[in-house]
Protein backbone atom coordinates (compact mmCIF):
# COMPACT_ATOMS: atom_id res chain seq x y z
CA MET A 1 -10.80 57.60 -20.33
CA SER A 2 -9.18 54.94 -22.51
CA GLU A 3 -7.94 56.78 -25.61
CA PRO A 4 -4.81 58.94 -25.90
CA ALA A 5 -5.49 62.65 -25.50
CA PRO A 6 -5.90 64.81 -28.63
CA VAL A 7 -2.70 66.37 -29.91
CA ALA A 8 -4.01 69.94 -29.90
CA LEU A 9 -5.05 69.75 -26.25
CA LEU A 10 -1.71 68.32 -25.15
CA ARG A 11 0.24 70.89 -27.18
CA ASP A 12 -1.61 73.85 -25.69
CA ARG A 13 -1.26 72.65 -22.14
CA LEU A 14 2.40 71.64 -22.46
CA LEU A 15 3.42 74.93 -24.04
CA GLY A 16 1.45 76.95 -21.49
CA TRP A 17 3.07 75.05 -18.64
CA TYR A 18 6.52 75.41 -20.20
CA ASP A 19 6.13 79.18 -20.58
CA ALA A 20 5.27 79.47 -16.89
CA HIS A 21 7.57 76.91 -15.31
CA ARG A 22 10.65 76.22 -17.46
CA ARG A 23 14.01 76.35 -15.76
CA ASP A 24 16.27 79.29 -16.50
CA LEU A 25 19.10 77.44 -18.25
CA PRO A 26 21.98 79.39 -19.82
CA TRP A 27 21.56 77.93 -23.31
CA ARG A 28 17.88 78.86 -23.28
CA ARG A 29 18.94 82.49 -22.99
CA ASP A 30 21.16 82.03 -26.05
CA PRO A 31 19.34 79.60 -28.39
CA ARG A 32 21.83 79.90 -31.23
CA PRO A 33 22.80 76.62 -32.90
CA TRP A 34 26.25 76.15 -31.35
CA PRO A 35 25.29 76.78 -27.68
CA VAL A 36 22.22 74.56 -28.10
CA TRP A 37 24.21 71.78 -29.77
CA LEU A 38 26.86 71.84 -27.05
CA SER A 39 24.20 71.69 -24.33
CA GLU A 40 22.43 68.76 -25.94
CA VAL A 41 25.64 66.75 -26.22
CA MET A 42 26.62 67.49 -22.63
CA CYS A 43 23.19 66.72 -21.18
CA GLN A 44 22.98 63.30 -22.78
CA GLN A 45 23.66 60.81 -19.96
CA THR A 46 24.45 63.70 -17.58
CA ARG A 47 22.19 65.67 -15.23
CA VAL A 48 21.56 69.26 -16.28
CA ASP A 49 22.85 70.70 -13.01
CA SER A 50 26.12 68.82 -13.48
CA ALA A 51 26.47 69.88 -17.12
CA ILE A 52 25.97 73.64 -16.61
CA PRO A 53 29.47 74.49 -15.28
CA TYR A 54 31.06 72.39 -18.02
CA TRP A 55 28.94 74.16 -20.64
CA ARG A 56 30.01 77.55 -19.32
CA ARG A 57 33.70 76.59 -19.44
CA PHE A 58 33.40 75.18 -22.95
CA MET A 59 31.55 78.23 -24.26
CA ALA A 60 34.23 80.50 -22.76
CA ALA A 61 37.03 78.39 -24.28
CA PHE A 62 35.34 77.53 -27.58
CA PRO A 63 32.71 80.16 -28.47
CA THR A 64 32.32 78.79 -32.02
CA PRO A 65 32.62 75.39 -33.71
CA ALA A 66 35.77 76.67 -35.41
CA ASP A 67 37.39 77.32 -32.02
CA LEU A 68 36.65 73.77 -30.93
CA ALA A 69 37.81 72.34 -34.26
CA ALA A 70 41.19 74.07 -33.94
CA ALA A 71 41.81 72.97 -30.34
CA PRO A 72 44.00 69.96 -29.48
CA LEU A 73 42.06 66.95 -28.23
CA ASP A 74 44.08 66.92 -24.99
CA ARG A 75 42.74 70.36 -24.07
CA ILE A 76 39.19 69.38 -24.92
CA LEU A 77 39.34 66.20 -22.86
CA GLY A 78 40.92 68.12 -20.00
CA LEU A 79 37.94 70.49 -19.88
CA TRP A 80 35.52 67.57 -20.35
CA ALA A 81 37.10 65.43 -17.60
CA GLY A 82 34.45 64.41 -15.08
CA LEU A 83 31.47 64.44 -17.44
CA GLY A 84 32.14 60.87 -18.53
CA TYR A 85 31.16 59.15 -21.77
CA TYR A 86 34.21 60.70 -23.43
CA ALA A 87 33.20 59.57 -26.90
CA ARG A 88 30.79 62.52 -26.81
CA ALA A 89 33.71 64.95 -26.60
CA ARG A 90 35.73 63.17 -29.27
CA ASN A 91 32.76 63.04 -31.62
CA LEU A 92 31.92 66.69 -31.02
CA HIS A 93 35.52 67.65 -31.83
CA ALA A 94 35.37 65.67 -35.09
CA ALA A 95 31.95 67.12 -35.94
CA ALA A 96 33.20 70.67 -35.38
CA GLN A 97 36.03 69.96 -37.82
CA GLN A 98 33.45 68.71 -40.33
CA VAL A 99 31.40 71.88 -39.84
CA VAL A 100 34.48 73.96 -40.68
CA ALA A 101 35.42 71.82 -43.68
CA ARG A 102 31.92 71.34 -45.14
CA HIS A 103 29.90 74.34 -43.97
CA GLY A 104 32.30 77.22 -43.51
CA GLY A 105 32.17 77.02 -39.72
CA ALA A 106 28.40 77.52 -39.43
CA VAL A 107 26.12 74.82 -38.02
CA PRO A 108 24.02 73.81 -41.06
CA ASP A 109 20.32 74.65 -41.08
CA ASP A 110 19.56 71.39 -42.83
CA PRO A 111 18.49 68.26 -40.93
CA GLN A 112 20.15 65.90 -43.38
CA ALA A 113 23.46 67.78 -43.42
CA PHE A 114 23.48 68.18 -39.64
CA GLY A 115 22.56 64.53 -39.14
CA ALA A 116 25.55 63.49 -41.26
CA LEU A 117 28.03 65.00 -38.77
CA LYS A 118 30.05 62.73 -36.50
CA GLY A 119 28.15 61.66 -33.40
CA VAL A 120 24.85 63.34 -34.37
CA GLY A 121 22.07 60.84 -33.90
CA ARG A 122 18.32 61.03 -34.19
CA TYR A 123 17.82 62.75 -30.83
CA THR A 124 20.55 65.38 -31.26
CA ARG A 125 19.37 66.16 -34.77
CA GLY A 126 15.79 66.68 -33.63
CA ALA A 127 16.72 68.75 -30.60
CA VAL A 128 19.12 71.14 -32.34
CA MET A 129 17.11 71.47 -35.54
CA SER A 130 13.86 72.19 -33.66
CA ILE A 131 15.24 74.47 -30.93
CA ALA A 132 17.75 76.46 -32.99
CA PHE A 133 16.08 76.46 -36.40
CA GLY A 134 12.39 75.70 -35.85
CA HIS A 135 12.24 72.43 -37.81
CA ARG A 136 9.29 70.22 -36.83
CA LEU A 137 11.37 67.25 -35.74
CA PRO A 138 10.84 65.28 -32.52
CA ALA A 139 13.55 64.86 -29.89
CA VAL A 140 12.93 61.87 -27.63
CA ASP A 141 15.21 61.45 -24.63
CA GLY A 142 14.64 59.32 -21.53
CA ASN A 143 12.42 61.97 -19.96
CA ALA A 144 10.24 62.16 -23.06
CA VAL A 145 9.96 58.37 -23.18
CA ARG A 146 8.67 58.37 -19.63
CA VAL A 147 6.12 61.13 -20.26
CA ILE A 148 4.74 59.53 -23.43
CA CYS A 149 4.62 56.02 -21.97
CA ARG A 150 2.58 57.34 -19.05
CA LEU A 151 0.33 59.62 -21.06
CA ASP A 152 -0.61 56.83 -23.47
CA ARG A 153 -0.19 53.99 -20.97
CA LEU A 154 2.30 52.09 -23.11
CA THR A 155 2.93 48.91 -21.17
CA ASP A 156 5.57 47.28 -23.38
CA ASP A 157 9.31 47.66 -22.94
CA PRO A 158 10.09 50.90 -24.85
CA ARG A 159 13.57 49.80 -25.93
CA PRO A 160 12.88 47.37 -28.82
CA PRO A 161 12.83 49.18 -32.20
CA ARG A 162 9.16 48.45 -32.85
CA ASN A 163 8.05 49.97 -29.54
CA LYS A 164 10.53 52.82 -29.83
CA GLU A 165 8.94 53.82 -33.14
CA VAL A 166 5.52 54.05 -31.48
CA ILE A 167 6.92 56.62 -29.06
CA TRP A 168 8.73 58.59 -31.78
CA ARG A 169 5.54 58.72 -33.88
CA ARG A 170 3.61 60.14 -30.92
CA ALA A 171 6.37 62.71 -30.35
CA ALA A 172 6.36 63.60 -34.05
CA ALA A 173 2.63 64.25 -33.94
CA LEU A 174 3.00 66.51 -30.90
CA VAL A 175 5.82 68.55 -32.41
CA ASP A 176 4.01 69.11 -35.72
CA GLY A 177 2.88 72.67 -35.10
CA PRO A 178 4.11 76.11 -34.03
CA ARG A 179 7.08 76.35 -31.63
CA PRO A 180 8.43 72.83 -32.18
CA GLY A 181 11.59 73.51 -30.19
CA ASP A 182 9.63 74.69 -27.17
CA LEU A 183 7.27 71.73 -27.47
CA ASN A 184 10.18 69.28 -27.44
CA GLN A 185 11.67 71.04 -24.45
CA ALA A 186 8.33 71.13 -22.67
CA ILE A 187 7.99 67.34 -22.84
CA MET A 188 11.55 66.77 -21.66
CA GLU A 189 11.22 69.45 -18.97
CA LEU A 190 8.04 67.86 -17.67
CA GLY A 191 9.82 64.52 -17.39
CA ALA A 192 12.83 66.06 -15.67
CA THR A 193 10.97 68.15 -13.09
CA VAL A 194 7.44 66.74 -12.60
CA CYS A 195 6.97 63.31 -14.22
CA SER A 196 9.93 61.84 -12.36
CA PRO A 197 10.81 58.12 -12.39
CA LYS A 198 9.86 57.16 -8.84
CA SER A 199 7.63 59.86 -7.39
CA PRO A 200 5.80 61.75 -10.14
CA ALA A 201 4.23 64.99 -8.90
CA CYS A 202 0.94 64.40 -10.70
CA LEU A 203 -0.84 67.25 -8.90
CA LEU A 204 1.55 69.68 -10.62
CA CYS A 205 1.24 68.13 -14.07
CA PRO A 206 -0.62 70.16 -16.71
CA VAL A 207 -1.86 67.00 -18.45
CA ALA A 208 -2.55 64.81 -15.42
CA ASP A 209 -6.26 64.57 -16.23
CA ARG A 210 -5.37 63.21 -19.69
CA CYS A 211 -2.81 60.68 -18.45
CA LEU A 212 -3.97 57.10 -19.04
CA ALA A 213 -1.40 55.65 -16.65
CA ARG A 214 -2.55 57.92 -13.81
CA ALA A 215 -6.18 57.07 -14.52
CA ALA A 216 -5.28 53.40 -14.08
CA GLY A 217 -3.07 54.08 -11.06
CA VAL A 218 0.03 52.61 -12.72
CA GLN A 219 2.06 55.74 -13.44
CA GLN A 220 4.95 54.69 -11.19
CA ALA A 221 5.19 51.32 -12.94
CA LEU A 222 5.77 52.91 -16.36
CA PRO A 223 7.79 52.84 -18.48
CA VAL A 224 8.52 49.15 -18.07
CA LYS A 225 12.12 48.56 -17.04
CA PRO A 226 13.83 45.18 -17.37
CA LYS A 227 16.05 44.07 -14.53
CA ARG A 228 19.53 45.49 -14.74
CA LYS A 229 22.32 43.01 -15.26
CA LYS A 230 24.88 42.85 -12.51
CA ARG A 231 28.13 44.52 -13.52
CA ARG A 232 31.15 42.28 -13.59
CA THR A 233 34.32 43.22 -11.70
CA ALA A 234 37.70 43.29 -13.40
CA HIS A 235 41.06 43.77 -11.68
CA ARG A 236 43.70 46.19 -12.92
CA VAL A 237 47.22 46.57 -11.55
CA ALA A 238 48.61 50.11 -11.82
CA ALA A 239 51.94 51.74 -10.98
CA LEU A 240 52.75 55.05 -9.35
CA VAL A 241 56.19 55.61 -10.79
CA ARG A 242 58.24 58.81 -11.00
CA ASP A 243 61.17 59.83 -13.15
CA GLY A 244 64.44 61.27 -11.84
CA GLU A 245 62.85 64.72 -11.44
CA GLY A 246 59.88 63.45 -9.45
CA ARG A 247 57.42 63.65 -12.33
CA ILE A 248 54.69 61.00 -12.58
CA TRP A 249 54.59 58.68 -15.59
CA LEU A 250 51.26 58.54 -17.44
CA GLY A 251 50.13 57.00 -20.71
CA ARG A 252 47.50 58.25 -23.13
CA ARG A 253 45.02 55.62 -24.23
CA PRO A 254 44.08 55.18 -27.90
CA THR A 255 41.37 57.55 -29.08
CA ASP A 256 38.82 54.79 -29.66
CA GLY A 257 37.49 52.56 -26.92
CA LEU A 258 37.03 52.82 -23.17
CA LEU A 259 38.49 56.06 -21.75
CA GLY A 260 39.73 56.85 -25.25
CA GLY A 261 42.22 59.71 -25.46
CA LEU A 262 42.59 60.08 -21.68
CA TRP A 263 45.79 59.92 -19.64
CA GLY A 264 46.23 57.27 -16.97
CA LEU A 265 48.70 55.47 -14.79
CA PRO A 266 50.65 52.56 -16.28
CA ALA A 267 48.31 49.59 -15.80
CA VAL A 268 47.55 46.09 -16.99
CA ASP A 269 44.73 43.61 -16.52
CA ALA A 270 45.36 41.03 -13.81
CA PRO A 271 43.46 38.36 -11.86
CA GLY A 272 44.00 40.32 -8.63
CA PRO A 273 46.50 42.68 -6.93
CA ASP A 274 49.33 41.02 -8.86
CA GLY A 275 52.23 43.49 -8.63
CA PRO A 276 54.68 41.45 -10.76
CA ALA A 277 52.31 41.89 -13.71
CA LEU A 278 53.72 45.42 -14.04
CA ARG A 279 56.98 43.95 -15.28
CA THR A 280 55.32 43.51 -18.68
CA LEU A 281 55.48 47.33 -18.90
CA GLY A 282 59.19 47.42 -18.04
CA LEU A 283 58.53 48.44 -14.43
CA GLU A 284 59.75 46.97 -11.16
CA PRO A 285 57.07 47.12 -8.45
CA ASP A 286 58.00 47.53 -4.78
CA LEU A 287 56.55 44.27 -3.52
CA ASP A 288 57.45 45.13 0.07
CA ALA A 289 54.79 47.85 -0.04
CA GLU A 290 51.04 47.39 0.10
CA PRO A 291 49.01 48.32 -2.97
CA VAL A 292 46.36 51.02 -2.70
CA THR A 293 43.03 49.79 -4.06
CA VAL A 294 40.20 51.88 -5.51
CA GLU A 295 37.08 51.01 -7.48
CA HIS A 296 35.62 52.79 -10.48
CA GLY A 297 32.30 51.90 -12.05
CA PHE A 298 31.37 51.99 -15.71
CA THR A 299 28.00 51.20 -17.24
CA HIS A 300 28.84 47.55 -17.79
CA LEU A 301 31.66 46.75 -15.36
CA VAL A 302 33.62 47.81 -12.29
CA TRP A 303 37.39 48.20 -12.29
CA ARG A 304 39.18 47.34 -9.07
CA VAL A 305 42.52 49.11 -9.46
CA HIS A 306 45.48 48.07 -7.27
CA THR A 307 48.25 50.68 -7.40
CA TRP A 308 51.82 49.78 -6.48
CA PRO A 309 54.83 52.06 -6.10
CA ALA A 310 57.33 51.13 -8.80
CA ARG A 311 60.62 52.06 -10.45
CA GLY A 312 61.59 52.44 -14.10
CA ALA A 313 60.14 54.00 -17.22
CA PRO A 314 57.04 52.38 -18.76
CA THR A 315 57.15 50.91 -22.25
CA GLY A 316 54.63 49.15 -24.49
CA GLY A 317 51.15 48.51 -23.16
CA GLU A 318 47.78 49.70 -24.41
CA VAL A 319 48.74 53.38 -24.79
CA GLU A 320 49.72 55.69 -27.65
CA VAL A 321 52.43 57.62 -25.81
CA TRP A 322 54.14 57.67 -22.42
CA ARG A 323 55.05 60.93 -20.72
CA ALA A 324 56.11 62.11 -17.26
CA PHE A 325 54.19 65.06 -15.79
CA ALA A 326 54.88 67.35 -12.84
CA GLU A 327 52.13 67.18 -10.22
CA GLY A 328 51.16 70.77 -11.00
CA GLU A 329 50.33 69.78 -14.59
CA LEU A 330 47.90 67.02 -13.64
CA PRO A 331 44.79 69.11 -12.85
CA GLY A 332 44.71 70.45 -16.42
CA LEU A 333 45.02 67.03 -18.08
CA GLY A 334 42.31 64.83 -19.44
CA LEU A 335 42.98 62.37 -16.64
CA SER A 336 40.89 59.20 -16.47
CA GLY A 337 38.60 58.74 -13.49
CA PRO A 338 40.22 55.49 -12.27
CA SER A 339 43.69 57.06 -12.34
CA LEU A 340 42.50 60.23 -10.63
CA LYS A 341 40.99 58.15 -7.85
CA ALA A 342 44.17 56.07 -7.56
CA LEU A 343 46.42 59.14 -7.45
CA ARG A 344 44.29 60.81 -4.79
CA ALA A 345 44.25 57.61 -2.75
CA CYS A 346 48.05 57.46 -3.01
CA GLY A 347 48.36 60.95 -1.54
CA VAL A 348 48.82 63.04 -4.68
CA ASN A 349 47.15 66.41 -4.14
CA LEU A 350 44.50 66.60 -6.85
CA PRO A 351 41.10 68.33 -6.70
CA HIS A 352 37.89 66.38 -6.32
CA ARG A 353 36.15 65.81 -9.63
CA ARG A 354 32.64 64.71 -10.45
CA GLY A 355 32.50 60.94 -10.79
CA ALA A 356 36.03 60.34 -9.51
CA GLY A 357 36.16 61.53 -5.96
CA ARG A 358 35.45 58.40 -3.94
CA ARG A 359 37.55 55.32 -3.44
């Protein structure tokens, strides 16, 4: 066996397996465009099991694109807090407003129109258009990349554009037939539950006998992954400062950029736990105290945040607005992960949240 398996054979087996073994996910019970779109945005860069409770809360709060479009960004980010990659939430909010303005509040059944919405890329367009509307468009996520690289024994790095196109062409050929949405989901489902990165369960795979990588005994080595670059560490000095009524001062970051639109403690970059650096924000740190240090990892770097008790009211800095909040208001805010960790470490009673519960 040295040639890729015929499309018809793969389609039949994948769809048969999907019908028998697909997970019972809430948006699969309700494959209307808006629930499907929301699920696809949430599940990008997030595990399905982690996304489900967020999806349920969002659908309860915003049952239509118009409901999301009319909501303030603070509320949206508050409900999103913990999912990470907050640009997804900001883009979805903007896209919902475009749906209201351009399409009367209905998700357009037109790949070009849908693809023109804020934050809708090639994958999201293919997933929503195929699942909700039946368009024969591929949807290639990381799971699909892994399945196709192994099936066809693609030994080059799949990330360069030229190699990426090879994978998308194979996916396009597979989806070109009846039930395109189910076919896309079958490939991704297979990658998520059977064709896993480290220990693929080949004995459970419906296309194992047509897998070129398995035939060569190299399935665990594919797809090729370059070595990850070590994340750099950056220091931040933060302040836990209260107003005269005991409320905690927070600042909301600009909408664009890292942690855009989220609330956080007054903080500045520093070479280390340099408390006096907080004076640039109009604050006076208590240098007789010891700072509380937490770490928070991003894709490309790690923040080491040193939090000092301080006095005063913050001014300036890299925020859009400063405001003091009672502790009881904090759980409902779109609070950044680093600040949530710092507040918890400083003894403020806040609930654990995905991605921000450890020091």
